[in-house]
């Protein structure tokens, strides 16, 4: 039986044609590893030395740049805004309150120079009576306080002068007999005992300023 030519396609005298080899893609190139950069050679020793020698100078310049504006602000605050001047108060309301209470004769210092600055003033009712306090900054820049009270002296003096307050003898101020006292720390005091009122001038001011304040009390 004759085999048709179309039936013999793919056959070679009864043998199967060998398979054609598969096409391969060209091999991928292997990426090359980046080379490690070589370290930079150290700079010349002279340059490093010069840089270290300039550091303190640079720091000084930086501090100067910061301090100059601060100094200018402080100068402006003190010179134009009165930053060194203490805050002053008007003692009149406290004095009027004490006079309205009519608990004791009330005096307000008269004739003090403008260098005497009033920095505090208060009238308060305390145990055993009431007290008027006026605080001053003296011309020498020290503190002095005027206390007027009807609290009995045996209670008032230890409270105001502490247990360290001890009499030091009489002294005349403005034609009246005052008593000199020690007080807390480096303070000293002048005490005037009157019927119904005790007057105390106390502070770390020198005695001549305390006497000036006591003399102004009328």
N, C-alpha and C. Protein backbone atom coordinates (compact mmCIF):
# COMPACT_ATOMS: atom_id res chain seq x y z
N UNK A 1 0.86 -1.17 0.00
CA UNK A 1 0.00 0.00 0.00
C UNK A 1 0.89 1.21 0.00
N UNK A 2 0.61 2.05 -0.91
CA UNK A 2 1.47 3.22 -1.10
C UNK A 2 1.09 4.27 -0.07
N UNK A 3 2.06 4.86 0.50
CA UNK A 3 1.83 5.94 1.49
C UNK A 3 1.93 7.26 0.77
N UNK A 4 0.98 8.09 1.08
CA UNK A 4 0.96 9.40 0.45
C UNK A 4 2.07 10.26 0.98
N UNK A 5 2.50 11.10 0.04
CA UNK A 5 3.65 11.94 0.40
C UNK A 5 3.36 12.82 1.58
N UNK A 6 2.09 13.32 1.74
CA UNK A 6 1.79 14.22 2.86
C UNK A 6 1.89 13.53 4.17
N UNK A 7 1.73 12.15 4.17
CA UNK A 7 1.74 11.43 5.43
C UNK A 7 3.11 11.21 5.95
N UNK A 8 4.11 11.39 5.07
CA UNK A 8 5.47 11.10 5.47
C UNK A 8 6.17 12.34 6.01
N UNK A 9 5.42 13.51 6.20
CA UNK A 9 6.07 14.73 6.67
C UNK A 9 6.47 14.53 8.12
N UNK A 10 7.70 14.90 8.45
CA UNK A 10 8.22 14.75 9.80
C UNK A 10 8.94 13.47 10.00
N UNK A 11 9.00 12.63 9.01
CA UNK A 11 9.69 11.35 9.11
C UNK A 11 10.84 11.33 8.16
N UNK A 12 11.90 10.68 8.52
CA UNK A 12 13.09 10.55 7.68
C UNK A 12 13.42 9.09 7.60
N UNK A 13 12.81 8.44 6.51
CA UNK A 13 13.03 7.01 6.33
C UNK A 13 12.70 6.26 7.61
N UNK A 14 11.55 6.61 8.22
CA UNK A 14 11.10 5.87 9.40
C UNK A 14 11.69 6.39 10.69
N UNK A 15 12.52 7.47 10.64
CA UNK A 15 13.09 8.02 11.89
C UNK A 15 12.57 9.43 12.12
N UNK A 16 12.48 9.70 13.38
CA UNK A 16 11.99 11.04 13.76
C UNK A 16 13.14 12.02 13.70
N UNK A 17 12.89 13.16 13.06
CA UNK A 17 13.94 14.20 12.97
C UNK A 17 14.30 14.67 14.39
N UNK A 18 15.55 14.80 14.62
CA UNK A 18 15.95 15.31 15.97
C UNK A 18 15.45 16.74 16.21
N UNK A 19 15.14 16.97 17.48
CA UNK A 19 14.59 18.30 17.83
C UNK A 19 15.65 19.38 17.67
N UNK A 20 15.19 20.50 17.24
CA UNK A 20 16.11 21.60 17.03
C UNK A 20 16.49 22.21 18.41
N UNK A 21 17.74 22.51 18.56
CA UNK A 21 18.15 23.10 19.87
C UNK A 21 17.47 24.46 20.10
N UNK A 22 17.10 24.64 21.38
CA UNK A 22 16.41 25.91 21.73
C UNK A 22 17.37 27.09 21.66
N UNK A 23 16.80 28.20 21.28
CA UNK A 23 17.61 29.42 21.19
C UNK A 23 17.85 30.02 22.58
N UNK A 24 19.07 30.29 22.87
CA UNK A 24 19.42 30.86 24.19
C UNK A 24 19.71 32.35 24.02
N UNK A 25 19.25 33.12 25.09
CA UNK A 25 19.56 34.56 25.10
C UNK A 25 20.99 34.75 25.51
N UNK A 26 21.59 35.70 24.95
CA UNK A 26 22.99 35.93 25.32
C UNK A 26 23.13 36.14 26.82
N UNK A 27 24.21 35.68 27.35
CA UNK A 27 24.45 35.76 28.82
C UNK A 27 24.46 37.20 29.30
N UNK A 28 23.76 37.41 30.50
CA UNK A 28 23.72 38.75 31.09
C UNK A 28 25.10 39.11 31.63
N UNK A 29 25.52 40.27 31.37
CA UNK A 29 26.84 40.65 31.91
C UNK A 29 26.78 40.76 33.43
N UNK A 30 27.76 40.28 34.11
CA UNK A 30 27.82 40.31 35.58
C UNK A 30 28.18 41.73 36.01
N UNK A 31 27.27 42.33 36.85
CA UNK A 31 27.57 43.72 37.27
C UNK A 31 28.84 43.75 38.07
N UNK A 32 29.59 44.74 37.83
CA UNK A 32 30.86 44.87 38.53
C UNK A 32 30.64 45.60 39.84
N UNK A 33 31.27 45.17 40.93
CA UNK A 33 31.16 45.79 42.25
C UNK A 33 31.88 47.13 42.23
N UNK A 34 31.23 48.13 42.84
CA UNK A 34 31.92 49.44 42.86
C UNK A 34 33.18 49.36 43.69
N UNK A 35 34.11 49.98 43.21
CA UNK A 35 35.39 49.96 43.90
C UNK A 35 35.35 50.91 45.09
N UNK A 36 35.95 50.51 46.20
CA UNK A 36 35.99 51.34 47.41
C UNK A 36 36.91 52.52 47.19
N UNK A 37 36.34 53.75 47.41
CA UNK A 37 37.21 54.90 47.16
C UNK A 37 38.35 54.93 48.17
N UNK A 38 39.42 55.27 47.70
CA UNK A 38 40.59 55.33 48.57
C UNK A 38 40.48 56.55 49.47
N UNK A 39 40.83 56.42 50.74
CA UNK A 39 40.73 57.57 51.65
C UNK A 39 41.61 58.73 51.19
N UNK A 40 41.04 59.94 51.48
CA UNK A 40 41.79 61.12 51.10
C UNK A 40 43.04 61.24 51.96
N UNK A 41 44.06 61.66 51.39
CA UNK A 41 45.27 61.83 52.18
C UNK A 41 45.09 62.93 53.22
N UNK A 42 45.61 62.77 54.40
CA UNK A 42 45.47 63.82 55.43
C UNK A 42 46.07 65.13 54.96
N UNK A 43 45.41 66.19 55.43
CA UNK A 43 45.87 67.51 55.05
C UNK A 43 47.23 67.80 55.65
N UNK A 44 47.81 68.83 55.19
CA UNK A 44 49.12 69.21 55.71
C UNK A 44 49.02 69.51 57.20
N UNK A 45 49.98 69.10 58.00
CA UNK A 45 49.93 69.37 59.44
C UNK A 45 49.81 70.85 59.76
N UNK A 46 50.39 71.68 58.97
CA UNK A 46 50.32 73.10 59.24
C UNK A 46 48.91 73.65 59.18
N UNK A 47 48.08 73.13 58.24
CA UNK A 47 46.72 73.60 58.11
C UNK A 47 45.88 73.21 59.31
N UNK A 48 45.99 71.94 59.78
CA UNK A 48 45.26 71.50 60.95
C UNK A 48 45.67 72.30 62.18
N UNK A 49 46.92 72.60 62.32
CA UNK A 49 47.40 73.35 63.45
C UNK A 49 46.84 74.76 63.43
N UNK A 50 46.80 75.37 62.26
CA UNK A 50 46.27 76.73 62.15
C UNK A 50 44.79 76.76 62.49
N UNK A 51 44.05 75.70 62.08
CA UNK A 51 42.62 75.64 62.38
C UNK A 51 42.38 75.54 63.87
N UNK A 52 43.16 74.72 64.58
CA UNK A 52 43.00 74.59 66.03
C UNK A 52 43.41 75.87 66.75
N UNK A 53 44.37 76.60 66.22
CA UNK A 53 44.78 77.84 66.85
C UNK A 53 43.74 78.93 66.67
N UNK A 54 42.92 78.88 65.65
CA UNK A 54 41.90 79.89 65.42
C UNK A 54 40.65 79.66 66.25
N UNK A 55 40.45 78.47 66.81
CA UNK A 55 39.22 78.16 67.52
C UNK A 55 38.95 79.08 68.70
N UNK A 56 39.88 79.31 69.63
CA UNK A 56 39.59 80.24 70.73
C UNK A 56 39.24 81.64 70.24
N UNK A 57 39.89 82.07 69.20
CA UNK A 57 39.59 83.40 68.66
C UNK A 57 38.18 83.44 68.11
N UNK A 58 37.79 82.36 67.40
CA UNK A 58 36.44 82.32 66.85
C UNK A 58 35.40 82.32 67.97
N UNK A 59 35.68 81.59 69.05
CA UNK A 59 34.75 81.56 70.17
C UNK A 59 34.63 82.94 70.81
N UNK A 60 35.74 83.63 70.95
CA UNK A 60 35.71 84.96 71.53
C UNK A 60 34.89 85.92 70.68
N UNK A 61 35.04 85.82 69.36
CA UNK A 61 34.27 86.68 68.46
C UNK A 61 32.79 86.37 68.57
N UNK A 62 32.45 85.08 68.69
CA UNK A 62 31.03 84.70 68.81
C UNK A 62 30.43 85.24 70.10
N UNK A 63 31.18 85.13 71.19
CA UNK A 63 30.68 85.67 72.46
C UNK A 63 30.53 87.19 72.39
N UNK A 64 31.46 87.83 71.73
CA UNK A 64 31.39 89.28 71.61
C UNK A 64 30.16 89.70 70.82
N UNK A 65 29.84 88.96 69.78
CA UNK A 65 28.66 89.26 68.98
C UNK A 65 27.39 89.15 69.82
N UNK A 66 27.37 88.20 70.77
CA UNK A 66 26.20 88.03 71.63
C UNK A 66 26.15 89.07 72.74
N UNK A 67 27.30 89.43 73.29
CA UNK A 67 27.32 90.32 74.45
C UNK A 67 27.08 91.78 74.09
N UNK A 68 27.51 92.19 72.91
CA UNK A 68 27.36 93.59 72.54
C UNK A 68 25.89 94.01 72.50
N UNK A 69 24.97 93.26 71.86
CA UNK A 69 23.55 93.68 71.91
C UNK A 69 22.98 93.68 73.32
N UNK A 70 23.39 92.72 74.16
CA UNK A 70 22.89 92.68 75.53
C UNK A 70 23.34 93.91 76.29
N UNK A 71 24.61 94.30 76.12
CA UNK A 71 25.12 95.48 76.80
C UNK A 71 24.39 96.73 76.34
N UNK A 72 24.08 96.81 75.06
CA UNK A 72 23.35 97.97 74.55
C UNK A 72 21.95 98.04 75.12
N UNK A 73 21.29 96.87 75.24
CA UNK A 73 19.94 96.84 75.81
C UNK A 73 19.95 97.26 77.27
N UNK A 74 20.94 96.78 78.03
CA UNK A 74 21.04 97.17 79.44
C UNK A 74 21.29 98.66 79.59
N UNK A 75 22.16 99.20 78.74
CA UNK A 75 22.44 100.64 78.80
C UNK A 75 21.18 101.45 78.49
N UNK A 76 20.41 101.00 77.51
CA UNK A 76 19.17 101.70 77.17
C UNK A 76 18.17 101.59 78.31
N UNK A 77 18.08 100.40 78.92
CA UNK A 77 17.12 100.18 80.02
C UNK A 77 17.45 101.06 81.21
N UNK A 78 18.75 101.16 81.54
CA UNK A 78 19.14 101.95 82.70
C UNK A 78 19.13 103.45 82.42
N UNK A 79 19.63 103.81 81.25
CA UNK A 79 19.78 105.24 80.97
C UNK A 79 18.50 105.93 80.59
N UNK A 80 17.64 105.26 79.82
CA UNK A 80 16.44 105.92 79.29
C UNK A 80 15.16 105.48 79.98
N UNK A 81 15.13 104.23 80.48
CA UNK A 81 13.91 103.73 81.11
C UNK A 81 13.99 103.75 82.63
N UNK A 82 15.14 104.14 83.18
CA UNK A 82 15.27 104.20 84.63
C UNK A 82 15.25 102.84 85.27
N UNK A 83 15.93 101.87 84.69
CA UNK A 83 15.89 100.50 85.20
C UNK A 83 16.49 100.35 86.57
N UNK A 84 17.42 101.23 86.96
CA UNK A 84 18.04 101.13 88.27
C UNK A 84 17.23 101.83 89.36
N UNK A 85 16.20 102.55 88.98
CA UNK A 85 15.42 103.29 89.95
C UNK A 85 14.39 102.37 90.61
N UNK A 86 14.28 102.39 91.95
CA UNK A 86 13.28 101.55 92.61
C UNK A 86 11.87 102.07 92.36
N UNK A 87 10.92 101.19 92.49
CA UNK A 87 9.53 101.60 92.34
C UNK A 87 9.11 102.37 93.59
N UNK A 88 8.49 103.51 93.39
CA UNK A 88 8.04 104.33 94.51
C UNK A 88 6.52 104.28 94.61
N UNK A 89 6.03 104.58 95.81
CA UNK A 89 4.58 104.57 96.06
C UNK A 89 4.19 105.88 96.73
N UNK A 90 2.92 106.17 96.69
CA UNK A 90 2.38 107.34 97.36
C UNK A 90 1.88 106.90 98.74
N UNK A 91 2.46 107.42 99.84
CA UNK A 91 2.03 106.99 101.17
C UNK A 91 0.72 107.60 101.63
N UNK A 92 0.20 108.58 100.90
CA UNK A 92 -0.98 109.32 101.34
C UNK A 92 -2.18 108.42 101.63
N UNK A 93 -2.53 107.45 100.78
CA UNK A 93 -3.70 106.61 101.10
C UNK A 93 -3.55 105.86 102.42
N UNK A 94 -2.37 105.31 102.71
CA UNK A 94 -2.18 104.60 103.97
C UNK A 94 -2.25 105.54 105.15
N UNK A 95 -1.68 106.75 105.01
CA UNK A 95 -1.73 107.73 106.09
C UNK A 95 -3.16 108.16 106.36
N UNK A 96 -3.93 108.41 105.31
CA UNK A 96 -5.32 108.81 105.47
C UNK A 96 -6.13 107.69 106.12
N UNK A 97 -5.84 106.45 105.76
CA UNK A 97 -6.54 105.32 106.37
C UNK A 97 -6.25 105.24 107.87
N UNK A 98 -5.00 105.47 108.26
CA UNK A 98 -4.64 105.44 109.67
C UNK A 98 -5.31 106.59 110.43
N UNK A 99 -5.36 107.75 109.83
CA UNK A 99 -5.99 108.90 110.48
C UNK A 99 -7.50 108.69 110.60
N UNK A 100 -8.09 108.06 109.60
CA UNK A 100 -9.53 107.80 109.67
C UNK A 100 -9.86 106.80 110.77
N UNK A 101 -8.97 105.86 111.03
CA UNK A 101 -9.19 104.89 112.09
C UNK A 101 -9.11 105.54 113.47
N UNK A 102 -8.35 106.64 113.58
CA UNK A 102 -8.23 107.41 114.83
C UNK A 102 -7.81 106.52 116.00
N UNK A 103 -6.91 105.61 115.74
CA UNK A 103 -6.43 104.72 116.80
C UNK A 103 -5.28 105.32 117.58
N UNK A 104 -4.52 106.21 116.95
CA UNK A 104 -3.38 106.88 117.60
C UNK A 104 -3.03 108.12 116.78
N UNK A 105 -2.29 109.06 117.35
CA UNK A 105 -1.86 110.23 116.57
C UNK A 105 -0.97 109.79 115.41
N UNK A 106 -1.25 110.29 114.23
CA UNK A 106 -0.52 109.88 113.02
C UNK A 106 0.32 111.04 112.51
N UNK A 107 1.60 110.76 112.29
CA UNK A 107 2.51 111.77 111.74
C UNK A 107 3.06 111.29 110.41
N UNK A 108 3.25 112.23 109.50
CA UNK A 108 3.91 111.95 108.23
C UNK A 108 5.15 112.81 108.13
N UNK A 109 6.31 112.21 107.84
CA UNK A 109 7.55 113.00 107.79
C UNK A 109 7.41 114.16 106.83
N UNK A 110 7.93 115.31 107.26
CA UNK A 110 7.87 116.52 106.45
C UNK A 110 9.27 117.08 106.29
N UNK A 111 9.52 117.65 105.13
CA UNK A 111 10.79 118.31 104.89
C UNK A 111 11.89 117.40 104.40
N UNK A 112 11.57 116.15 104.05
CA UNK A 112 12.60 115.26 103.52
C UNK A 112 12.92 115.65 102.07
N UNK A 113 14.18 115.53 101.71
CA UNK A 113 14.58 115.83 100.33
C UNK A 113 14.00 114.82 99.36
N UNK A 114 14.06 115.17 98.09
CA UNK A 114 13.54 114.26 97.06
C UNK A 114 14.37 112.99 96.95
N UNK A 115 15.57 113.01 97.54
CA UNK A 115 16.40 111.80 97.51
C UNK A 115 15.84 110.70 98.41
N UNK A 116 14.95 111.06 99.32
CA UNK A 116 14.26 110.06 100.14
C UNK A 116 13.06 109.54 99.33
N UNK A 117 13.13 108.28 98.97
CA UNK A 117 12.07 107.71 98.13
C UNK A 117 11.22 106.73 98.93
N UNK A 118 9.92 106.93 98.86
CA UNK A 118 8.98 106.05 99.56
C UNK A 118 8.75 104.80 98.72
N UNK A 119 9.09 103.64 99.28
CA UNK A 119 8.99 102.39 98.52
C UNK A 119 7.88 101.48 99.02
N UNK A 120 7.29 101.78 100.19
CA UNK A 120 6.18 100.97 100.70
C UNK A 120 5.39 101.79 101.71
N UNK A 121 4.10 101.47 101.83
CA UNK A 121 3.25 102.15 102.80
C UNK A 121 2.01 101.28 103.03
N UNK A 122 1.69 101.03 104.31
CA UNK A 122 0.53 100.21 104.62
C UNK A 122 0.04 100.51 106.03
N UNK A 123 -1.27 100.36 106.20
CA UNK A 123 -1.89 100.46 107.52
C UNK A 123 -2.66 99.17 107.76
N UNK A 124 -2.37 98.51 108.90
CA UNK A 124 -3.00 97.23 109.17
C UNK A 124 -3.38 97.12 110.64
N UNK A 125 -4.51 96.44 110.85
CA UNK A 125 -4.92 96.11 112.22
C UNK A 125 -4.26 94.80 112.60
N UNK A 126 -3.57 94.80 113.73
CA UNK A 126 -2.84 93.63 114.19
C UNK A 126 -3.35 93.27 115.58
N UNK A 127 -2.86 92.17 116.09
CA UNK A 127 -3.27 91.75 117.43
C UNK A 127 -2.79 92.77 118.47
N UNK A 128 -3.72 93.30 119.21
CA UNK A 128 -3.39 94.27 120.25
C UNK A 128 -3.43 95.70 119.79
N UNK A 129 -3.77 95.98 118.54
CA UNK A 129 -3.82 97.36 118.07
C UNK A 129 -3.71 97.46 116.57
N UNK A 130 -3.09 98.50 116.07
CA UNK A 130 -2.90 98.71 114.64
C UNK A 130 -1.58 99.43 114.42
N UNK A 131 -1.07 99.33 113.17
CA UNK A 131 0.25 99.89 112.87
C UNK A 131 0.24 100.50 111.48
N UNK A 132 0.94 101.63 111.38
CA UNK A 132 1.19 102.30 110.10
C UNK A 132 2.67 102.15 109.80
N UNK A 133 2.99 101.63 108.61
CA UNK A 133 4.38 101.42 108.20
C UNK A 133 4.65 102.17 106.91
N UNK A 134 5.75 102.89 106.88
CA UNK A 134 6.19 103.57 105.67
C UNK A 134 7.67 103.23 105.47
N UNK A 135 8.00 102.66 104.33
CA UNK A 135 9.37 102.27 104.03
C UNK A 135 10.03 103.27 103.10
N UNK A 136 11.32 103.52 103.33
CA UNK A 136 12.06 104.51 102.55
C UNK A 136 13.36 103.90 102.03
N UNK A 137 13.80 104.44 100.92
CA UNK A 137 15.16 104.25 100.43
C UNK A 137 15.88 105.56 100.65
N UNK A 138 16.92 105.53 101.46
CA UNK A 138 17.60 106.76 101.86
C UNK A 138 18.46 107.32 100.73
N UNK A 139 18.95 108.54 100.85
CA UNK A 139 19.82 109.09 99.81
C UNK A 139 21.08 108.26 99.58
N UNK A 140 21.54 107.54 100.61
CA UNK A 140 22.72 106.69 100.45
C UNK A 140 22.37 105.31 99.90
N UNK A 141 21.10 105.10 99.57
CA UNK A 141 20.70 103.83 98.99
C UNK A 141 20.45 102.73 100.01
N UNK A 142 20.21 103.10 101.25
CA UNK A 142 19.93 102.11 102.29
C UNK A 142 18.46 102.14 102.67
N UNK A 143 18.05 101.15 103.48
CA UNK A 143 16.65 101.04 103.83
C UNK A 143 16.36 101.59 105.22
N UNK A 144 15.20 102.22 105.36
CA UNK A 144 14.73 102.73 106.65
C UNK A 144 13.21 102.60 106.67
N UNK A 145 12.68 102.27 107.85
CA UNK A 145 11.24 102.09 107.98
C UNK A 145 10.73 102.88 109.18
N UNK A 146 9.62 103.55 108.97
CA UNK A 146 8.94 104.29 110.02
C UNK A 146 7.71 103.51 110.44
N UNK A 147 7.64 103.18 111.74
CA UNK A 147 6.51 102.43 112.29
C UNK A 147 5.85 103.28 113.36
N UNK A 148 4.53 103.45 113.23
CA UNK A 148 3.73 104.12 114.26
C UNK A 148 2.63 103.16 114.66
N UNK A 149 2.48 102.94 115.98
CA UNK A 149 1.56 101.90 116.41
C UNK A 149 1.05 102.18 117.82
N UNK A 150 -0.13 101.65 118.11
CA UNK A 150 -0.65 101.70 119.47
C UNK A 150 -0.57 100.33 120.16
N UNK A 151 0.14 99.40 119.54
CA UNK A 151 0.39 98.12 120.20
C UNK A 151 1.29 98.39 121.42
N UNK A 152 1.02 97.77 122.56
CA UNK A 152 1.86 98.02 123.74
C UNK A 152 3.33 97.78 123.44
N UNK A 153 4.23 98.66 123.93
CA UNK A 153 5.65 98.56 123.60
C UNK A 153 6.27 97.22 123.96
N UNK A 154 5.83 96.61 125.05
CA UNK A 154 6.41 95.33 125.45
C UNK A 154 6.12 94.22 124.45
N UNK A 155 5.13 94.43 123.61
CA UNK A 155 4.85 93.47 122.55
C UNK A 155 5.36 93.97 121.20
N UNK A 156 5.28 95.28 120.99
CA UNK A 156 5.67 95.84 119.70
C UNK A 156 7.17 95.75 119.47
N UNK A 157 7.97 96.12 120.47
CA UNK A 157 9.42 96.18 120.27
C UNK A 157 10.02 94.80 119.97
N UNK A 158 9.69 93.73 120.70
CA UNK A 158 10.24 92.42 120.32
C UNK A 158 9.79 91.97 118.93
N UNK A 159 8.57 92.35 118.53
CA UNK A 159 8.08 91.95 117.22
C UNK A 159 8.80 92.69 116.10
N UNK A 160 9.12 93.97 116.33
CA UNK A 160 9.75 94.78 115.29
C UNK A 160 11.28 94.65 115.29
N UNK A 161 11.86 94.55 116.47
CA UNK A 161 13.32 94.55 116.57
C UNK A 161 13.89 93.17 116.86
N UNK A 162 13.04 92.18 117.03
CA UNK A 162 13.39 90.80 117.40
C UNK A 162 14.01 90.77 118.80
N UNK A 163 14.35 89.58 119.25
CA UNK A 163 14.94 89.42 120.59
C UNK A 163 16.31 90.07 120.68
N UNK A 164 16.92 90.36 119.52
CA UNK A 164 18.24 91.01 119.53
C UNK A 164 18.15 92.49 119.86
N UNK A 165 16.94 93.06 119.82
CA UNK A 165 16.80 94.48 120.08
C UNK A 165 17.01 94.80 121.55
N UNK A 166 18.04 95.54 121.82
CA UNK A 166 18.38 95.92 123.19
C UNK A 166 18.60 97.43 123.27
N UNK A 167 18.12 98.06 124.36
CA UNK A 167 18.31 99.52 124.50
C UNK A 167 19.78 99.87 124.64
N UNK A 168 20.16 100.98 124.02
CA UNK A 168 21.54 101.45 124.03
C UNK A 168 21.68 102.84 124.66
N UNK A 169 20.61 103.35 125.25
CA UNK A 169 20.67 104.64 125.90
C UNK A 169 19.86 105.69 125.19
N UNK A 170 19.57 106.78 125.85
CA UNK A 170 18.75 107.85 125.28
C UNK A 170 19.55 108.74 124.33
N UNK A 171 18.83 109.41 123.46
CA UNK A 171 19.42 110.40 122.57
C UNK A 171 18.35 111.41 122.22
N UNK A 172 18.74 112.66 122.04
CA UNK A 172 17.79 113.71 121.74
C UNK A 172 17.75 113.96 120.23
N UNK A 173 16.55 113.95 119.69
CA UNK A 173 16.35 114.21 118.26
C UNK A 173 15.16 115.16 118.13
N UNK A 174 15.41 116.31 117.54
CA UNK A 174 14.33 117.27 117.33
C UNK A 174 13.68 117.74 118.61
N UNK A 175 14.46 117.83 119.72
CA UNK A 175 13.91 118.31 120.98
C UNK A 175 13.13 117.27 121.74
N UNK A 176 13.14 116.01 121.30
CA UNK A 176 12.43 114.94 122.01
C UNK A 176 13.41 113.84 122.39
N UNK A 177 13.06 113.14 123.43
CA UNK A 177 13.94 112.08 123.93
C UNK A 177 13.58 110.74 123.29
N UNK A 178 14.50 110.24 122.48
CA UNK A 178 14.37 108.94 121.84
C UNK A 178 15.30 107.95 122.56
N UNK A 179 15.05 106.68 122.29
CA UNK A 179 15.90 105.62 122.80
C UNK A 179 16.58 104.92 121.62
N UNK A 180 17.88 104.74 121.75
CA UNK A 180 18.64 104.01 120.73
C UNK A 180 18.56 102.51 121.04
N UNK A 181 18.31 101.70 119.98
CA UNK A 181 18.18 100.25 120.12
C UNK A 181 19.01 99.56 119.05
N UNK A 182 19.48 98.37 119.40
CA UNK A 182 19.98 97.47 118.37
C UNK A 182 18.79 96.74 117.76
N UNK A 183 19.00 96.13 116.60
CA UNK A 183 17.91 95.42 115.93
C UNK A 183 18.49 94.18 115.24
N UNK A 184 17.72 93.62 114.33
CA UNK A 184 18.15 92.40 113.65
C UNK A 184 19.36 92.68 112.76
N UNK A 185 20.29 91.71 112.72
CA UNK A 185 21.44 91.82 111.83
C UNK A 185 22.24 93.09 112.08
N UNK A 186 22.45 93.85 110.99
CA UNK A 186 23.23 95.08 111.08
C UNK A 186 22.33 96.31 111.19
N UNK A 187 21.07 96.11 111.57
CA UNK A 187 20.15 97.24 111.68
C UNK A 187 20.24 97.89 113.07
N UNK A 188 19.82 99.12 113.13
CA UNK A 188 19.71 99.84 114.39
C UNK A 188 18.41 100.62 114.37
N UNK A 189 17.99 101.09 115.54
CA UNK A 189 16.67 101.71 115.63
C UNK A 189 16.69 102.87 116.61
N UNK A 190 15.75 103.79 116.38
CA UNK A 190 15.42 104.87 117.31
C UNK A 190 13.96 104.69 117.70
N UNK A 191 13.68 104.74 119.02
CA UNK A 191 12.34 104.47 119.53
C UNK A 191 11.87 105.66 120.34
N UNK A 192 10.65 106.12 120.04
CA UNK A 192 10.02 107.22 120.76
C UNK A 192 8.77 106.67 121.45
N UNK A 193 8.74 106.74 122.79
CA UNK A 193 7.60 106.25 123.57
C UNK A 193 6.74 107.44 123.97
N UNK A 194 5.48 107.43 123.50
CA UNK A 194 4.53 108.49 123.81
C UNK A 194 3.24 107.86 124.33
N UNK A 195 2.46 108.59 125.08
CA UNK A 195 1.18 108.06 125.54
C UNK A 195 0.27 107.70 124.35
N UNK A 196 -0.09 106.45 124.26
CA UNK A 196 -0.99 106.00 123.20
C UNK A 196 -0.32 105.72 121.87
N UNK A 197 1.00 105.95 121.77
CA UNK A 197 1.68 105.70 120.49
C UNK A 197 3.16 105.42 120.72
N UNK A 198 3.67 104.47 119.94
CA UNK A 198 5.11 104.20 119.90
C UNK A 198 5.58 104.43 118.47
N UNK A 199 6.67 105.18 118.33
CA UNK A 199 7.25 105.46 117.01
C UNK A 199 8.61 104.79 116.93
N UNK A 200 8.84 104.03 115.84
CA UNK A 200 10.10 103.33 115.63
C UNK A 200 10.66 103.73 114.28
N UNK A 201 11.91 104.15 114.28
CA UNK A 201 12.65 104.36 113.02
C UNK A 201 13.76 103.32 113.01
N UNK A 202 13.70 102.38 112.06
CA UNK A 202 14.61 101.25 112.06
C UNK A 202 15.09 100.97 110.65
N UNK A 203 16.31 100.44 110.51
CA UNK A 203 16.83 100.07 109.20
C UNK A 203 18.32 99.86 109.23
N UNK A 204 18.87 99.54 108.06
CA UNK A 204 20.32 99.36 107.96
C UNK A 204 21.01 100.65 107.54
N UNK A 205 20.25 101.75 107.50
CA UNK A 205 20.84 103.05 107.20
C UNK A 205 21.74 103.47 108.35
N UNK A 206 22.64 104.39 108.05
CA UNK A 206 23.52 104.90 109.10
C UNK A 206 22.73 105.77 110.08
N UNK A 207 23.31 105.96 111.26
CA UNK A 207 22.58 106.65 112.32
C UNK A 207 22.21 108.07 111.92
N UNK A 208 23.05 108.76 111.16
CA UNK A 208 22.72 110.14 110.78
C UNK A 208 21.47 110.19 109.90
N UNK A 209 21.26 109.17 109.05
CA UNK A 209 20.05 109.15 108.22
C UNK A 209 18.83 108.76 109.04
N UNK A 210 19.01 107.85 109.99
CA UNK A 210 17.89 107.50 110.87
C UNK A 210 17.47 108.71 111.71
N UNK A 211 18.44 109.48 112.17
CA UNK A 211 18.13 110.67 112.93
C UNK A 211 17.44 111.72 112.05
N UNK A 212 17.85 111.80 110.80
CA UNK A 212 17.19 112.76 109.89
C UNK A 212 15.73 112.39 109.70
N UNK A 213 15.42 111.11 109.56
CA UNK A 213 14.05 110.67 109.41
C UNK A 213 13.26 110.91 110.70
N UNK A 214 13.86 110.61 111.84
CA UNK A 214 13.17 110.83 113.11
C UNK A 214 12.89 112.32 113.34
N UNK A 215 13.80 113.17 112.91
CA UNK A 215 13.62 114.60 113.09
C UNK A 215 12.51 115.15 112.21
N UNK A 216 12.20 114.44 111.12
CA UNK A 216 11.15 114.91 110.19
C UNK A 216 9.75 114.56 110.69
N UNK A 217 9.64 113.79 111.77
CA UNK A 217 8.34 113.37 112.28
C UNK A 217 7.82 114.45 113.23
N UNK A 218 6.68 114.98 112.91
CA UNK A 218 6.07 116.03 113.74
C UNK A 218 4.68 115.62 114.21
